[in-house]
């Protein structure tokens, strides 16, 4: 699946996107796999409450299943104005 990183997540990880092979069943498990890769991922995901996720461009939560998902996007909360 394609994983996209926006704003400070992209800065900490150093990539705007990447193809990821995963056995994760949920977003939370995917994040755990990413964090186990390298310290830069652990630093980016150190505060999950400050991160939002979209699956195939639909907002989701960290317990959402990944079955059939083609794109996962991580980004900070948006503010209106």
N, C-alpha and C. Protein backbone atom coordinates (compact mmCIF):
# COMPACT_ATOMS: atom_id res chain seq x y z
N UNK A 1 0.84 -1.17 0.00
CA UNK A 1 0.00 0.00 0.00
C UNK A 1 0.88 1.23 0.00
N UNK A 2 0.30 2.33 -0.43
CA UNK A 2 1.03 3.59 -0.42
C UNK A 2 0.74 4.32 0.89
N UNK A 3 1.81 4.77 1.54
CA UNK A 3 1.67 5.51 2.79
C UNK A 3 2.18 6.92 2.54
N UNK A 4 1.34 7.91 2.87
CA UNK A 4 1.66 9.32 2.65
C UNK A 4 1.85 10.02 3.99
N UNK A 5 2.82 10.93 4.03
CA UNK A 5 3.12 11.70 5.24
C UNK A 5 3.02 13.18 4.90
N UNK A 6 2.35 13.95 5.76
CA UNK A 6 2.17 15.37 5.52
C UNK A 6 2.72 16.20 6.67
N UNK A 7 3.08 17.44 6.36
CA UNK A 7 3.51 18.45 7.33
C UNK A 7 4.70 17.95 8.15
N UNK A 8 4.66 18.10 9.48
CA UNK A 8 5.81 17.74 10.31
C UNK A 8 6.09 16.25 10.32
N UNK A 9 5.11 15.41 9.99
CA UNK A 9 5.38 13.97 9.88
C UNK A 9 6.35 13.72 8.72
N UNK A 10 6.10 14.38 7.60
CA UNK A 10 6.99 14.25 6.44
C UNK A 10 8.39 14.75 6.79
N UNK A 11 8.46 15.84 7.53
CA UNK A 11 9.77 16.39 7.92
C UNK A 11 10.54 15.43 8.82
N UNK A 12 9.87 14.84 9.79
CA UNK A 12 10.55 13.92 10.72
C UNK A 12 10.96 12.62 10.05
N UNK A 13 10.11 12.11 9.17
CA UNK A 13 10.40 10.83 8.51
C UNK A 13 11.35 11.04 7.32
N UNK A 14 11.23 12.19 6.68
CA UNK A 14 12.11 12.48 5.57
C UNK A 14 11.61 12.00 4.22
N UNK A 15 10.34 11.61 4.17
CA UNK A 15 9.73 11.13 2.92
C UNK A 15 8.32 11.68 2.80
N UNK A 16 7.89 12.03 1.58
CA UNK A 16 6.50 12.43 1.41
C UNK A 16 5.57 11.22 1.29
N UNK A 17 6.12 10.11 0.77
CA UNK A 17 5.33 8.88 0.62
C UNK A 17 6.25 7.70 0.38
N UNK A 18 5.70 6.50 0.57
CA UNK A 18 6.46 5.28 0.31
C UNK A 18 5.50 4.11 0.12
N UNK A 19 5.97 3.09 -0.57
CA UNK A 19 5.23 1.84 -0.72
C UNK A 19 5.61 0.96 0.46
N UNK A 20 4.62 0.41 1.14
CA UNK A 20 4.88 -0.40 2.33
C UNK A 20 4.21 -1.76 2.17
N UNK A 21 4.99 -2.80 2.36
CA UNK A 21 4.46 -4.16 2.45
C UNK A 21 4.21 -4.41 3.94
N UNK A 22 3.00 -4.80 4.29
CA UNK A 22 2.68 -4.96 5.70
C UNK A 22 1.76 -6.14 5.93
N UNK A 23 1.87 -6.72 7.10
CA UNK A 23 0.95 -7.75 7.54
C UNK A 23 -0.01 -7.19 8.58
N UNK A 24 0.04 -5.88 8.80
CA UNK A 24 -0.79 -5.22 9.81
C UNK A 24 -2.27 -5.32 9.47
N UNK A 25 -3.07 -5.56 10.48
CA UNK A 25 -4.53 -5.66 10.29
C UNK A 25 -5.21 -4.32 10.52
N UNK A 26 -4.58 -3.45 11.30
CA UNK A 26 -5.17 -2.14 11.62
C UNK A 26 -4.13 -1.04 11.43
N UNK A 27 -4.60 0.19 11.45
CA UNK A 27 -3.70 1.34 11.36
C UNK A 27 -2.72 1.31 12.54
N UNK A 28 -3.22 1.01 13.72
CA UNK A 28 -2.37 0.97 14.92
C UNK A 28 -1.22 -0.03 14.74
N UNK A 29 -1.51 -1.19 14.16
CA UNK A 29 -0.47 -2.20 13.92
C UNK A 29 0.52 -1.71 12.86
N UNK A 30 0.03 -1.01 11.84
CA UNK A 30 0.92 -0.44 10.82
C UNK A 30 1.87 0.56 11.46
N UNK A 31 1.35 1.43 12.31
CA UNK A 31 2.19 2.42 12.99
C UNK A 31 3.25 1.71 13.84
N UNK A 32 2.87 0.65 14.53
CA UNK A 32 3.84 -0.10 15.35
C UNK A 32 4.94 -0.69 14.46
N UNK A 33 4.57 -1.22 13.29
CA UNK A 33 5.57 -1.75 12.36
C UNK A 33 6.51 -0.65 11.88
N UNK A 34 5.95 0.50 11.54
CA UNK A 34 6.78 1.62 11.07
C UNK A 34 7.72 2.09 12.18
N UNK A 35 7.22 2.21 13.39
CA UNK A 35 8.04 2.68 14.52
C UNK A 35 9.19 1.72 14.82
N UNK A 36 8.98 0.43 14.56
CA UNK A 36 10.02 -0.56 14.81
C UNK A 36 11.13 -0.50 13.75
N UNK A 37 10.87 0.15 12.62
CA UNK A 37 11.85 0.23 11.53
C UNK A 37 13.08 1.04 11.91
N UNK A 38 12.84 2.29 12.30
CA UNK A 38 13.93 3.24 12.54
C UNK A 38 13.47 4.30 13.54
N UNK A 39 14.40 4.92 14.23
CA UNK A 39 14.04 5.95 15.21
C UNK A 39 13.26 7.12 14.61
N UNK A 40 13.48 7.46 13.35
CA UNK A 40 12.77 8.60 12.76
C UNK A 40 11.26 8.35 12.72
N UNK A 41 10.85 7.12 12.49
CA UNK A 41 9.41 6.79 12.51
C UNK A 41 8.88 6.88 13.93
N UNK A 42 9.63 6.34 14.88
CA UNK A 42 9.22 6.40 16.29
C UNK A 42 9.06 7.85 16.73
N UNK A 43 9.96 8.73 16.29
CA UNK A 43 9.87 10.14 16.63
C UNK A 43 8.63 10.78 16.01
N UNK A 44 8.33 10.42 14.79
CA UNK A 44 7.17 11.01 14.10
C UNK A 44 5.86 10.58 14.75
N UNK A 45 5.79 9.34 15.21
CA UNK A 45 4.54 8.80 15.76
C UNK A 45 4.52 8.76 17.29
N UNK A 46 5.42 9.52 17.94
CA UNK A 46 5.51 9.44 19.40
C UNK A 46 4.24 9.91 20.11
N UNK A 47 3.44 10.75 19.48
CA UNK A 47 2.20 11.24 20.09
C UNK A 47 1.03 10.99 19.12
N UNK A 48 0.47 9.78 19.12
CA UNK A 48 -0.61 9.46 18.18
C UNK A 48 -1.83 10.36 18.31
N UNK A 49 -2.05 10.95 19.47
CA UNK A 49 -3.19 11.84 19.66
C UNK A 49 -3.07 13.10 18.79
N UNK A 50 -1.86 13.41 18.34
CA UNK A 50 -1.62 14.59 17.52
C UNK A 50 -1.60 14.27 16.03
N UNK A 51 -2.04 13.05 15.68
CA UNK A 51 -1.99 12.61 14.28
C UNK A 51 -3.37 12.15 13.84
N UNK A 52 -3.73 12.52 12.65
CA UNK A 52 -4.96 12.03 12.02
C UNK A 52 -4.59 11.08 10.90
N UNK A 53 -5.52 10.22 10.53
CA UNK A 53 -5.27 9.25 9.47
C UNK A 53 -6.46 9.19 8.52
N UNK A 54 -6.16 9.00 7.26
CA UNK A 54 -7.19 8.79 6.24
C UNK A 54 -6.85 7.52 5.48
N UNK A 55 -7.86 6.70 5.26
CA UNK A 55 -7.72 5.48 4.48
C UNK A 55 -8.45 5.67 3.17
N UNK A 56 -7.72 5.58 2.06
CA UNK A 56 -8.30 5.85 0.74
C UNK A 56 -9.09 7.16 0.74
N UNK A 57 -8.49 8.18 1.35
CA UNK A 57 -9.00 9.56 1.41
C UNK A 57 -10.26 9.74 2.23
N UNK A 58 -10.50 8.80 3.18
CA UNK A 58 -11.63 8.93 4.12
C UNK A 58 -11.06 8.91 5.53
N UNK A 59 -11.44 9.88 6.36
CA UNK A 59 -10.96 9.92 7.73
C UNK A 59 -11.28 8.62 8.46
N UNK A 60 -10.33 8.17 9.26
CA UNK A 60 -10.49 6.92 10.00
C UNK A 60 -9.79 7.08 11.35
N UNK A 61 -9.86 6.03 12.17
CA UNK A 61 -9.13 6.08 13.43
C UNK A 61 -8.07 4.98 13.42
N UNK A 62 -7.27 4.95 14.48
CA UNK A 62 -6.14 4.04 14.53
C UNK A 62 -6.55 2.57 14.68
N UNK A 63 -7.79 2.31 15.02
CA UNK A 63 -8.26 0.93 15.12
C UNK A 63 -8.95 0.46 13.83
N UNK A 64 -8.96 1.30 12.81
CA UNK A 64 -9.61 0.95 11.54
C UNK A 64 -8.86 -0.19 10.85
N UNK A 65 -9.60 -1.11 10.24
CA UNK A 65 -8.95 -2.22 9.52
C UNK A 65 -8.31 -1.76 8.21
N UNK A 66 -7.24 -2.44 7.82
CA UNK A 66 -6.52 -2.10 6.60
C UNK A 66 -6.87 -3.00 5.41
N UNK A 67 -7.72 -3.99 5.64
CA UNK A 67 -8.08 -4.92 4.57
C UNK A 67 -8.61 -4.16 3.35
N UNK A 68 -7.96 -4.34 2.21
CA UNK A 68 -8.40 -3.73 0.97
C UNK A 68 -8.00 -2.27 0.78
N UNK A 69 -7.33 -1.68 1.76
CA UNK A 69 -6.93 -0.28 1.67
C UNK A 69 -5.72 -0.14 0.74
N UNK A 70 -5.77 0.85 -0.14
CA UNK A 70 -4.67 1.10 -1.08
C UNK A 70 -3.79 2.26 -0.63
N UNK A 71 -4.37 3.21 0.14
CA UNK A 71 -3.62 4.40 0.53
C UNK A 71 -3.92 4.76 1.98
N UNK A 72 -2.85 5.00 2.73
CA UNK A 72 -2.95 5.47 4.11
C UNK A 72 -2.22 6.81 4.17
N UNK A 73 -2.89 7.82 4.70
CA UNK A 73 -2.29 9.15 4.83
C UNK A 73 -2.27 9.57 6.29
N UNK A 74 -1.12 10.04 6.75
CA UNK A 74 -0.97 10.54 8.11
C UNK A 74 -0.71 12.04 8.05
N UNK A 75 -1.40 12.81 8.91
CA UNK A 75 -1.29 14.26 8.89
C UNK A 75 -1.68 14.83 10.25
N UNK A 76 -1.22 16.05 10.55
CA UNK A 76 -1.62 16.67 11.81
C UNK A 76 -3.08 17.16 11.71
N UNK A 77 -3.72 17.40 12.84
CA UNK A 77 -5.08 17.93 12.82
C UNK A 77 -5.14 19.25 12.05
N UNK A 78 -6.22 19.46 11.37
CA UNK A 78 -6.41 20.70 10.61
C UNK A 78 -7.15 21.71 11.49
N UNK A 79 -6.86 22.96 11.26
CA UNK A 79 -7.61 24.01 11.96
C UNK A 79 -8.35 24.83 10.92
N UNK A 80 -9.51 25.27 11.27
CA UNK A 80 -10.31 26.09 10.35
C UNK A 80 -10.03 27.57 10.55
N UNK A 81 -10.55 28.34 9.61
CA UNK A 81 -10.34 29.76 9.82
C UNK A 81 -10.78 30.58 8.66
